[in-house]
């Protein structure tokens, strides 16, 4: 049956308490490829508890439990086969730097349901608040094959925009471990698509694929290390669209464009403060071994 969009949109927010500490942060950083070389001072910021800084994309796994792309499937009106689900995109807005340890309340609800005809797109928004107020807001865009057709709004185009035509200002390559997905899933995403060859084949892939949010985190780390002097607290917002799969063991090519002057990123959508107060980095990510096949598109890191 098609997704019951009205039921999903009308459901009350699901609220849960979350907590994390330095061990969760360190495990996440290792899961996205930090710690190589192990004694590099820049890497020790991600791996050594006495120097630990939290990469903001840790927000997508803080507190453990299922990631947003999975939690969106457990709301009223949504009952679909996990093998038909793809992660379409992710957006993150930081209200304050993510602390090394914390306890907070997470309130999640479906804020949009789009009918693409042959598929459905759900947007799950999660607001994280601690004793001092809002910490961060993230949105997971979930693409469900075969679940459209209820006559709902089509929503924005799902087609990724091409990267800028001019040469990138910076290019970095990151080699992923063969067991990268096995490491990353220890932070809470147990979807068998990323570990079980039989399940991956049923979903249409030649072998298990890397979590999109692992590529998301590895990309943000690359931008922070390359352009922000490793200062994770400068990140204000981060968004991407998942344009293709990554296989463990592949090499990511991260191309970065840094426009001169301040930018208006997010001013209309509420992802930033007042227009013109900060800059942004535009990013495109591809898989080197597959002729630079796109894997992340429409990617922007906003910084202060």
C-alpha atoms as a PDB file:
ATOM      1  CA  UNK A   1       0.000   0.000   0.000  1.00  0.00           C
ATOM      2  CA  UNK A   2       1.133   3.583  -0.587  1.00  0.00           C
ATOM      3  CA  UNK A   3       2.449   5.459   2.409  1.00  0.00           C
ATOM      4  CA  UNK A   4      -0.253   7.130   4.512  1.00  0.00           C
ATOM      5  CA  UNK A   5       1.171  10.641   4.209  1.00  0.00           C
ATOM      6  CA  UNK A   6      -1.519  12.248   6.363  1.00  0.00           C
ATOM      7  CA  UNK A   7      -0.894   9.763   9.155  1.00  0.00           C
ATOM      8  CA  UNK A   8       2.864  10.279   9.009  1.00  0.00           C
ATOM      9  CA  UNK A   9       2.633  14.073   8.959  1.00  0.00           C
ATOM     10  CA  UNK A  10      -0.004  14.195  11.684  1.00  0.00           C
ATOM     11  CA  UNK A  11       1.822  11.955  14.125  1.00  0.00           C
ATOM     12  CA  UNK A  12       3.094  13.500  17.356  1.00  0.00           C
ATOM     13  CA  UNK A  13       6.867  13.919  17.694  1.00  0.00           C
ATOM     14  CA  UNK A  14       8.674  10.912  19.070  1.00  0.00           C
ATOM     15  CA  UNK A  15      10.757  11.989  22.050  1.00  0.00           C
ATOM     16  CA  UNK A  16      13.674  10.092  23.563  1.00  0.00           C
ATOM     17  CA  UNK A  17      16.520  10.816  25.918  1.00  0.00           C
ATOM     18  CA  UNK A  18      20.033  10.449  24.547  1.00  0.00           C
ATOM     19  CA  UNK A  19      23.489  10.513  26.116  1.00  0.00           C
ATOM     20  CA  UNK A  20      27.049  10.138  24.875  1.00  0.00           C
ATOM     21  CA  UNK A  21      30.622  10.429  26.101  1.00  0.00           C
ATOM     22  CA  UNK A  22      34.173  10.500  24.760  1.00  0.00           C
ATOM     23  CA  UNK A  23      34.148   6.792  23.857  1.00  0.00           C
ATOM     24  CA  UNK A  24      31.193   7.282  21.510  1.00  0.00           C
ATOM     25  CA  UNK A  25      32.903  10.258  19.888  1.00  0.00           C
ATOM     26  CA  UNK A  26      36.186   8.398  19.436  1.00  0.00           C
ATOM     27  CA  UNK A  27      34.441   5.351  17.952  1.00  0.00           C
ATOM     28  CA  UNK A  28      32.562   7.564  15.500  1.00  0.00           C
ATOM     29  CA  UNK A  29      35.746   9.329  14.424  1.00  0.00           C
ATOM     30  CA  UNK A  30      37.485   5.990  13.822  1.00  0.00           C
ATOM     31  CA  UNK A  31      34.415   4.832  11.899  1.00  0.00           C
ATOM     32  CA  UNK A  32      34.752   7.682   9.382  1.00  0.00           C
ATOM     33  CA  UNK A  33      38.478   7.139   8.908  1.00  0.00           C
ATOM     34  CA  UNK A  34      40.182   9.310  11.536  1.00  0.00           C
ATOM     35  CA  UNK A  35      43.421   8.229  13.174  1.00  0.00           C
ATOM     36  CA  UNK A  36      45.649   7.799  10.140  1.00  0.00           C
ATOM     37  CA  UNK A  37      48.547   8.396  10.735  1.00  0.00           C
ATOM     38  CA  UNK A  38      47.863   7.383  14.333  1.00  0.00           C
ATOM     39  CA  UNK A  39      50.397   9.786  15.891  1.00  0.00           C
ATOM     40  CA  UNK A  40      49.649  12.811  13.687  1.00  0.00           C
ATOM     41  CA  UNK A  41      48.758  15.751  15.993  1.00  0.00           C
ATOM     42  CA  UNK A  42      45.903  16.645  13.664  1.00  0.00           C
ATOM     43  CA  UNK A  43      44.449  13.152  13.983  1.00  0.00           C
ATOM     44  CA  UNK A  44      44.911  13.024  17.752  1.00  0.00           C
ATOM     45  CA  UNK A  45      42.283  15.781  17.993  1.00  0.00           C
ATOM     46  CA  UNK A  46      39.811  13.121  16.893  1.00  0.00           C
ATOM     47  CA  UNK A  47      41.166  10.085  18.731  1.00  0.00           C
ATOM     48  CA  UNK A  48      42.856  11.043  22.021  1.00  0.00           C
ATOM     49  CA  UNK A  49      40.514  11.826  24.921  1.00  0.00           C
ATOM     50  CA  UNK A  50      42.823  14.472  26.427  1.00  0.00           C
ATOM     51  CA  UNK A  51      42.706  16.511  23.182  1.00  0.00           C
ATOM     52  CA  UNK A  52      39.294  15.503  21.869  1.00  0.00           C
ATOM     53  CA  UNK A  53      37.232  17.761  19.607  1.00  0.00           C
ATOM     54  CA  UNK A  54      33.850  16.636  18.238  1.00  0.00           C
ATOM     55  CA  UNK A  55      33.299  16.691  14.493  1.00  0.00           C
ATOM     56  CA  UNK A  56      29.759  18.114  14.132  1.00  0.00           C
ATOM     57  CA  UNK A  57      28.569  15.238  11.952  1.00  0.00           C
ATOM     58  CA  UNK A  58      28.788  13.086  15.106  1.00  0.00           C
ATOM     59  CA  UNK A  59      25.338  14.577  15.728  1.00  0.00           C
ATOM     60  CA  UNK A  60      23.898  12.009  13.302  1.00  0.00           C
ATOM     61  CA  UNK A  61      24.826   9.140  15.662  1.00  0.00           C
ATOM     62  CA  UNK A  62      24.892  10.808  19.108  1.00  0.00           C
ATOM     63  CA  UNK A  63      23.028   8.729  21.664  1.00  0.00           C
ATOM     64  CA  UNK A  64      23.117   5.569  19.578  1.00  0.00           C
ATOM     65  CA  UNK A  65      19.939   3.972  18.346  1.00  0.00           C
ATOM     66  CA  UNK A  66      18.721   3.806  14.770  1.00  0.00           C
ATOM     67  CA  UNK A  67      19.726   6.662  12.437  1.00  0.00           C
ATOM     68  CA  UNK A  68      17.112   9.084  11.160  1.00  0.00           C
ATOM     69  CA  UNK A  69      16.732   7.278   7.855  1.00  0.00           C
ATOM     70  CA  UNK A  70      15.608   4.169   9.799  1.00  0.00           C
ATOM     71  CA  UNK A  71      13.566   5.985  12.459  1.00  0.00           C
ATOM     72  CA  UNK A  72      11.506   7.609   9.696  1.00  0.00           C
ATOM     73  CA  UNK A  73      10.211   4.140   8.825  1.00  0.00           C
ATOM     74  CA  UNK A  74       8.722   3.530  12.272  1.00  0.00           C
ATOM     75  CA  UNK A  75       6.250   6.437  12.347  1.00  0.00           C
ATOM     76  CA  UNK A  76       2.500   5.824  11.932  1.00  0.00           C
ATOM     77  CA  UNK A  77       1.467   5.399   8.313  1.00  0.00           C
ATOM     78  CA  UNK A  78       4.859   4.078   7.177  1.00  0.00           C
ATOM     79  CA  UNK A  79       5.344   0.323   6.762  1.00  0.00           C
ATOM     80  CA  UNK A  80       7.868  -0.439   4.017  1.00  0.00           C
ATOM     81  CA  UNK A  81      10.522  -2.985   3.076  1.00  0.00           C
ATOM     82  CA  UNK A  82      13.959  -1.805   4.226  1.00  0.00           C
ATOM     83  CA  UNK A  83      15.456  -3.188   1.005  1.00  0.00           C
ATOM     84  CA  UNK A  84      13.501  -0.509  -0.926  1.00  0.00           C
ATOM     85  CA  UNK A  85      14.859   2.377   1.157  1.00  0.00           C
ATOM     86  CA  UNK A  86      17.625   4.767   0.144  1.00  0.00           C
ATOM     87  CA  UNK A  87      19.052   7.735   2.021  1.00  0.00           C
ATOM     88  CA  UNK A  88      18.389  10.713  -0.246  1.00  0.00           C
ATOM     89  CA  UNK A  89      20.018  13.567   1.666  1.00  0.00           C
ATOM     90  CA  UNK A  90      21.043  14.979   5.019  1.00  0.00           C
ATOM     91  CA  UNK A  91      21.003  18.469   6.522  1.00  0.00           C
ATOM     92  CA  UNK A  92      22.512  19.594   9.826  1.00  0.00           C
ATOM     93  CA  UNK A  93      22.354  22.942  11.618  1.00  0.00           C
ATOM     94  CA  UNK A  94      24.479  23.557  14.707  1.00  0.00           C
ATOM     95  CA  UNK A  95      23.161  25.871  17.414  1.00  0.00           C
ATOM     96  CA  UNK A  96      26.248  25.322  19.579  1.00  0.00           C
ATOM     97  CA  UNK A  97      29.391  23.167  19.313  1.00  0.00           C
ATOM     98  CA  UNK A  98      28.711  19.516  20.114  1.00  0.00           C
ATOM     99  CA  UNK A  99      30.190  18.692  23.551  1.00  0.00           C
ATOM    100  CA  UNK A 100      32.453  15.691  24.152  1.00  0.00           C
ATOM    101  CA  UNK A 101      29.892  14.305  26.591  1.00  0.00           C
ATOM    102  CA  UNK A 102      26.269  15.219  26.989  1.00  0.00           C
ATOM    103  CA  UNK A 103      22.701  14.321  27.854  1.00  0.00           C
ATOM    104  CA  UNK A 104      19.822  15.695  25.806  1.00  0.00           C
ATOM    105  CA  UNK A 105      16.273  15.239  24.528  1.00  0.00           C
ATOM    106  CA  UNK A 106      15.677  14.292  20.879  1.00  0.00           C
ATOM    107  CA  UNK A 107      12.264  15.063  19.357  1.00  0.00           C
ATOM    108  CA  UNK A 108      11.709  13.658  15.854  1.00  0.00           C
ATOM    109  CA  UNK A 109       8.805  13.961  13.435  1.00  0.00           C
ATOM    110  CA  UNK A 110       8.087  13.697   9.719  1.00  0.00           C
ATOM    111  CA  UNK A 111       7.814  17.244   8.359  1.00  0.00           C
ATOM    112  CA  UNK A 112       7.322  16.444   4.654  1.00  0.00           C
ATOM    113  CA  UNK A 113       6.051  13.562   2.524  1.00  0.00           C
ATOM    114  CA  UNK A 114       6.411  13.831  -1.252  1.00  0.00           C
ATOM    115  CA  UNK A 115       4.801  11.661  -3.925  1.00  0.00           C
ATOM    116  CA  UNK A 116       7.216  11.009  -6.799  1.00  0.00           C
ATOM    117  CA  UNK A 117       4.842   8.624  -8.549  1.00  0.00           C
ATOM    118  CA  UNK A 118       7.029   5.536  -8.473  1.00  0.00           C
ATOM    119  CA  UNK A 119       8.537   6.423  -5.095  1.00  0.00           C
ATOM    120  CA  UNK A 120       7.932   8.379  -1.912  1.00  0.00           C
ATOM    121  CA  UNK A 121      10.243  10.829  -0.145  1.00  0.00           C
ATOM    122  CA  UNK A 122       9.962  11.415   3.602  1.00  0.00           C
ATOM    123  CA  UNK A 123      11.786  14.134   5.547  1.00  0.00           C
ATOM    124  CA  UNK A 124      12.410  13.388   9.225  1.00  0.00           C
ATOM    125  CA  UNK A 125      13.465  16.373  11.347  1.00  0.00           C
ATOM    126  CA  UNK A 126      15.084  15.836  14.750  1.00  0.00           C
ATOM    127  CA  UNK A 127      15.545  18.650  17.275  1.00  0.00           C
ATOM    128  CA  UNK A 128      18.145  18.088  19.992  1.00  0.00           C
ATOM    129  CA  UNK A 129      17.922  20.131  23.200  1.00  0.00           C
ATOM    130  CA  UNK A 130      19.870  19.936  26.449  1.00  0.00           C
ATOM    131  CA  UNK A 131      19.591  21.814  29.755  1.00  0.00           C
ATOM    132  CA  UNK A 132      21.100  24.923  28.154  1.00  0.00           C
ATOM    133  CA  UNK A 133      18.754  25.003  25.155  1.00  0.00           C
ATOM    134  CA  UNK A 134      18.882  23.872  21.488  1.00  0.00           C
ATOM    135  CA  UNK A 135      22.026  21.989  20.463  1.00  0.00           C
ATOM    136  CA  UNK A 136      21.410  20.987  16.846  1.00  0.00           C
ATOM    137  CA  UNK A 137      18.741  20.205  14.250  1.00  0.00           C
ATOM    138  CA  UNK A 138      19.123  17.544  11.600  1.00  0.00           C
ATOM    139  CA  UNK A 139      16.965  16.363   8.732  1.00  0.00           C
ATOM    140  CA  UNK A 140      17.140  13.003   6.974  1.00  0.00           C
ATOM    141  CA  UNK A 141      15.585  12.676   3.516  1.00  0.00           C
ATOM    142  CA  UNK A 142      14.381   9.114   2.911  1.00  0.00           C
ATOM    143  CA  UNK A 143      13.652   7.761  -0.583  1.00  0.00           C
ATOM    144  CA  UNK A 144      11.345   4.714  -0.712  1.00  0.00           C
ATOM    145  CA  UNK A 145      11.054   2.918  -4.031  1.00  0.00           C
ATOM    146  CA  UNK A 146       7.613   1.713  -5.095  1.00  0.00           C
ATOM    147  CA  UNK A 147       5.688   3.644  -2.416  1.00  0.00           C
ATOM    148  CA  UNK A 148       4.382   6.682  -4.313  1.00  0.00           C
ATOM    149  CA  UNK A 149       1.096   7.057  -6.125  1.00  0.00           C
ATOM    150  CA  UNK A 150      -1.228   8.566  -3.524  1.00  0.00           C
ATOM    151  CA  UNK A 151      -1.629  11.824  -5.440  1.00  0.00           C
ATOM    152  CA  UNK A 152       0.375  13.993  -3.059  1.00  0.00           C
ATOM    153  CA  UNK A 153       2.674  16.950  -3.658  1.00  0.00           C
ATOM    154  CA  UNK A 154       5.763  16.058  -5.727  1.00  0.00           C
ATOM    155  CA  UNK A 155       8.047  18.345  -3.766  1.00  0.00           C
ATOM    156  CA  UNK A 156      11.398  19.729  -4.944  1.00  0.00           C
ATOM    157  CA  UNK A 157      13.377  18.045  -7.695  1.00  0.00           C
ATOM    158  CA  UNK A 158      15.499  15.172  -6.513  1.00  0.00           C
ATOM    159  CA  UNK A 159      18.037  15.572  -9.289  1.00  0.00           C
ATOM    160  CA  UNK A 160      21.481  16.611  -8.061  1.00  0.00           C
ATOM    161  CA  UNK A 161      22.894  19.822  -9.483  1.00  0.00           C
ATOM    162  CA  UNK A 162      26.200  19.603 -11.376  1.00  0.00           C
ATOM    163  CA  UNK A 163      29.300  20.840  -9.528  1.00  0.00           C
ATOM    164  CA  UNK A 164      30.728  24.284 -10.387  1.00  0.00           C
ATOM    165  CA  UNK A 165      32.256  24.458 -13.861  1.00  0.00           C
ATOM    166  CA  UNK A 166      35.490  26.100 -12.735  1.00  0.00           C
ATOM    167  CA  UNK A 167      38.367  24.004 -11.332  1.00  0.00           C
ATOM    168  CA  UNK A 168      38.163  23.277  -7.622  1.00  0.00           C
ATOM    169  CA  UNK A 169      40.217  25.445  -5.263  1.00  0.00           C
ATOM    170  CA  UNK A 170      41.303  22.361  -3.324  1.00  0.00           C
ATOM    171  CA  UNK A 171      41.245  18.626  -4.012  1.00  0.00           C
ATOM    172  CA  UNK A 172      41.896  15.927  -1.422  1.00  0.00           C
ATOM    173  CA  UNK A 173      41.742  12.140  -1.629  1.00  0.00           C
ATOM    174  CA  UNK A 174      40.781   9.855   1.233  1.00  0.00           C
ATOM    175  CA  UNK A 175      41.347   6.091   1.051  1.00  0.00           C
ATOM    176  CA  UNK A 176      38.669   4.102   2.878  1.00  0.00           C
ATOM    177  CA  UNK A 177      39.406   0.901   4.779  1.00  0.00           C
ATOM    178  CA  UNK A 178      38.049  -2.432   3.534  1.00  0.00           C
ATOM    179  CA  UNK A 179      36.316  -2.779   6.905  1.00  0.00           C
ATOM    180  CA  UNK A 180      35.138   0.853   7.068  1.00  0.00           C
ATOM    181  CA  UNK A 181      31.444  -0.075   7.047  1.00  0.00           C
ATOM    182  CA  UNK A 182      31.984  -2.692   9.773  1.00  0.00           C
ATOM    183  CA  UNK A 183      33.617  -0.049  11.962  1.00  0.00           C
ATOM    184  CA  UNK A 184      31.033   2.633  11.238  1.00  0.00           C
ATOM    185  CA  UNK A 185      28.030   0.417  11.989  1.00  0.00           C
ATOM    186  CA  UNK A 186      29.236   0.084  15.599  1.00  0.00           C
ATOM    187  CA  UNK A 187      27.976   3.660  16.100  1.00  0.00           C
ATOM    188  CA  UNK A 188      24.395   2.419  15.716  1.00  0.00           C
ATOM    189  CA  UNK A 189      23.427   1.847  12.069  1.00  0.00           C
ATOM    190  CA  UNK A 190      22.940  -1.920  11.903  1.00  0.00           C
ATOM    191  CA  UNK A 191      21.283  -1.976   8.462  1.00  0.00           C
ATOM    192  CA  UNK A 192      22.459  -5.298   6.926  1.00  0.00           C
ATOM    193  CA  UNK A 193      22.890  -3.512   3.575  1.00  0.00           C
ATOM    194  CA  UNK A 194      26.302  -2.443   4.840  1.00  0.00           C
ATOM    195  CA  UNK A 195      27.548  -5.858   5.966  1.00  0.00           C
ATOM    196  CA  UNK A 196      25.504  -8.762   4.538  1.00  0.00           C
ATOM    197  CA  UNK A 197      26.275  -9.676   0.879  1.00  0.00           C
ATOM    198  CA  UNK A 198      22.962 -11.515   0.471  1.00  0.00           C
ATOM    199  CA  UNK A 199      20.925  -8.567   1.713  1.00  0.00           C
ATOM    200  CA  UNK A 200      22.945  -6.187  -0.489  1.00  0.00           C
ATOM    201  CA  UNK A 201      22.212  -8.379  -3.514  1.00  0.00           C
ATOM    202  CA  UNK A 202      18.478  -8.343  -2.726  1.00  0.00           C
ATOM    203  CA  UNK A 203      18.675  -4.542  -2.647  1.00  0.00           C
ATOM    204  CA  UNK A 204      20.336  -4.514  -6.080  1.00  0.00           C
ATOM    205  CA  UNK A 205      24.005  -4.010  -5.152  1.00  0.00           C
ATOM    206  CA  UNK A 206      26.952  -6.181  -6.110  1.00  0.00           C
ATOM    207  CA  UNK A 207      28.262  -6.168  -2.529  1.00  0.00           C
ATOM    208  CA  UNK A 208      27.652  -4.327   0.771  1.00  0.00           C
ATOM    209  CA  UNK A 209      27.897  -0.574   0.424  1.00  0.00           C
ATOM    210  CA  UNK A 210      29.263   2.051   2.780  1.00  0.00           C
ATOM    211  CA  UNK A 211      26.804   4.039   4.886  1.00  0.00           C
ATOM    212  CA  UNK A 212      26.011   7.345   3.229  1.00  0.00           C
ATOM    213  CA  UNK A 213      26.485   9.043   6.602  1.00  0.00           C
ATOM    214  CA  UNK A 214      30.002   7.591   6.820  1.00  0.00           C
ATOM    215  CA  UNK A 215      30.877   9.326   3.543  1.00  0.00           C
ATOM    216  CA  UNK A 216      29.092  12.407   4.912  1.00  0.00           C
ATOM    217  CA  UNK A 217      31.289  12.431   8.016  1.00  0.00           C
ATOM    218  CA  UNK A 218      34.522  11.668   6.149  1.00  0.00           C
ATOM    219  CA  UNK A 219      33.794  14.552   3.787  1.00  0.00           C
ATOM    220  CA  UNK A 220      33.157  17.049   6.568  1.00  0.00           C
ATOM    221  CA  UNK A 221      36.401  16.000   8.260  1.00  0.00           C
ATOM    222  CA  UNK A 222      38.262  16.580   4.993  1.00  0.00           C
ATOM    223  CA  UNK A 223      36.809  20.087   4.647  1.00  0.00           C
ATOM    224  CA  UNK A 224      37.532  20.984   8.282  1.00  0.00           C
ATOM    225  CA  UNK A 225      41.107  19.702   8.094  1.00  0.00           C
ATOM    226  CA  UNK A 226      41.818  21.255   4.692  1.00  0.00           C
ATOM    227  CA  UNK A 227      40.155  24.656   4.932  1.00  0.00           C
ATOM    228  CA  UNK A 228      39.231  25.372   8.566  1.00  0.00           C
ATOM    229  CA  UNK A 229      42.565  24.564  10.237  1.00  0.00           C
ATOM    230  CA  UNK A 230      40.983  21.578  11.948  1.00  0.00           C
ATOM    231  CA  UNK A 231      38.680  23.843  13.979  1.00  0.00           C
ATOM    232  CA  UNK A 232      35.446  21.857  14.265  1.00  0.00           C
ATOM    233  CA  UNK A 233      33.719  24.681  16.167  1.00  0.00           C
ATOM    234  CA  UNK A 234      33.649  26.843  13.029  1.00  0.00           C
ATOM    235  CA  UNK A 235      31.070  24.604  11.310  1.00  0.00           C
ATOM    236  CA  UNK A 236      27.599  26.152  11.397  1.00  0.00           C
ATOM    237  CA  UNK A 237      25.652  23.963   8.972  1.00  0.00           C
ATOM    238  CA  UNK A 238      26.242  21.093   6.581  1.00  0.00           C
ATOM    239  CA  UNK A 239      24.038  19.627   3.882  1.00  0.00           C
ATOM    240  CA  UNK A 240      24.387  17.041   1.134  1.00  0.00           C
ATOM    241  CA  UNK A 241      22.501  14.941  -1.361  1.00  0.00           C
ATOM    242  CA  UNK A 242      23.525  11.305  -1.803  1.00  0.00           C
ATOM    243  CA  UNK A 243      24.180  10.891  -5.513  1.00  0.00           C
ATOM    244  CA  UNK A 244      25.678   7.389  -5.611  1.00  0.00           C
ATOM    245  CA  UNK A 245      27.062   4.549  -3.549  1.00  0.00           C
ATOM    246  CA  UNK A 246      30.528   4.073  -2.107  1.00  0.00           C
ATOM    247  CA  UNK A 247      32.097   0.659  -1.565  1.00  0.00           C
ATOM    248  CA  UNK A 248      34.461   0.045   1.365  1.00  0.00           C
ATOM    249  CA  UNK A 249      38.084   0.173   0.237  1.00  0.00           C
ATOM    250  CA  UNK A 250      37.486   2.819  -2.422  1.00  0.00           C
ATOM    251  CA  UNK A 251      39.111   6.247  -2.577  1.00  0.00           C
ATOM    252  CA  UNK A 252      37.041   9.402  -2.152  1.00  0.00           C
ATOM    253  CA  UNK A 253      38.030  12.426  -4.219  1.00  0.00           C
ATOM    254  CA  UNK A 254      36.809  15.555  -2.412  1.00  0.00           C
ATOM    255  CA  UNK A 255      36.731  18.725  -4.501  1.00  0.00           C
ATOM    256  CA  UNK A 256      36.211  22.015  -2.682  1.00  0.00           C
ATOM    257  CA  UNK A 257      35.268  25.476  -3.922  1.00  0.00           C
ATOM    258  CA  UNK A 258      35.573  28.369  -1.497  1.00  0.00           C
ATOM    259  CA  UNK A 259      33.786  31.491  -2.812  1.00  0.00           C
ATOM    260  CA  UNK A 260      35.335  34.803  -1.869  1.00  0.00           C
ATOM    261  CA  UNK A 261      33.543  36.883   0.756  1.00  0.00           C
ATOM    262  CA  UNK A 262      30.519  36.130   2.887  1.00  0.00           C
ATOM    263  CA  UNK A 263      27.610  34.028   1.666  1.00  0.00           C
ATOM    264  CA  UNK A 264      23.863  33.800   2.198  1.00  0.00           C
ATOM    265  CA  UNK A 265      23.747  30.006   2.659  1.00  0.00           C
ATOM    266  CA  UNK A 266      20.592  28.996   4.473  1.00  0.00           C
ATOM    267  CA  UNK A 267      19.250  32.515   5.038  1.00  0.00           C
ATOM    268  CA  UNK A 268      15.912  31.711   3.438  1.00  0.00           C
ATOM    269  CA  UNK A 269      15.525  28.218   4.928  1.00  0.00           C
ATOM    270  CA  UNK A 270      16.577  29.175   8.429  1.00  0.00           C
ATOM    271  CA  UNK A 271      19.803  27.170   8.294  1.00  0.00           C
ATOM    272  CA  UNK A 272      21.884  30.216   9.104  1.00  0.00           C
ATOM    273  CA  UNK A 273      21.612  33.400  11.035  1.00  0.00           C
ATOM    274  CA  UNK A 274      21.471  36.713   9.289  1.00  0.00           C
ATOM    275  CA  UNK A 275      22.600  36.749   5.671  1.00  0.00           C
ATOM    276  CA  UNK A 276      26.202  37.643   4.982  1.00  0.00           C
ATOM    277  CA  UNK A 277      27.605  36.718   8.383  1.00  0.00           C
ATOM    278  CA  UNK A 278      29.678  33.701   7.332  1.00  0.00           C
ATOM    279  CA  UNK A 279      31.278  31.874   4.430  1.00  0.00           C
ATOM    280  CA  UNK A 280      30.690  28.529   2.820  1.00  0.00           C
ATOM    281  CA  UNK A 281      32.509  25.746   1.034  1.00  0.00           C
ATOM    282  CA  UNK A 282      30.875  23.993  -1.892  1.00  0.00           C
ATOM    283  CA  UNK A 283      31.887  20.365  -2.219  1.00  0.00           C
ATOM    284  CA  UNK A 284      31.582  17.477  -4.674  1.00  0.00           C
ATOM    285  CA  UNK A 285      32.695  13.942  -3.847  1.00  0.00           C
ATOM    286  CA  UNK A 286      33.384  11.081  -6.250  1.00  0.00           C
ATOM    287  CA  UNK A 287      34.761   7.524  -6.234  1.00  0.00           C
ATOM    288  CA  UNK A 288      38.203   7.557  -7.849  1.00  0.00           C
ATOM    289  CA  UNK A 289      38.277   3.872  -8.841  1.00  0.00           C
ATOM    290  CA  UNK A 290      34.968   4.128 -10.744  1.00  0.00           C
ATOM    291  CA  UNK A 291      35.964   6.957 -13.088  1.00  0.00           C
ATOM    292  CA  UNK A 292      34.999   9.627 -10.554  1.00  0.00           C
ATOM    293  CA  UNK A 293      31.429   8.397 -10.210  1.00  0.00           C
ATOM    294  CA  UNK A 294      29.541  11.035  -8.144  1.00  0.00           C
ATOM    295  CA  UNK A 295      28.674  10.004  -4.587  1.00  0.00           C
ATOM    296  CA  UNK A 296      27.837  13.327  -2.858  1.00  0.00           C
ATOM    297  CA  UNK A 297      26.300  16.294  -4.651  1.00  0.00           C
ATOM    298  CA  UNK A 298      24.758  19.668  -3.719  1.00  0.00           C
ATOM    299  CA  UNK A 299      27.074  19.637  -0.710  1.00  0.00           C
ATOM    300  CA  UNK A 300      27.691  22.803   1.288  1.00  0.00           C
ATOM    301  CA  UNK A 301      29.570  23.414   4.525  1.00  0.00           C
ATOM    302  CA  UNK A 302      28.727  26.733   6.146  1.00  0.00           C
ATOM    303  CA  UNK A 303      31.275  28.091   8.587  1.00  0.00           C
ATOM    304  CA  UNK A 304      31.844  31.051  10.872  1.00  0.00           C
END
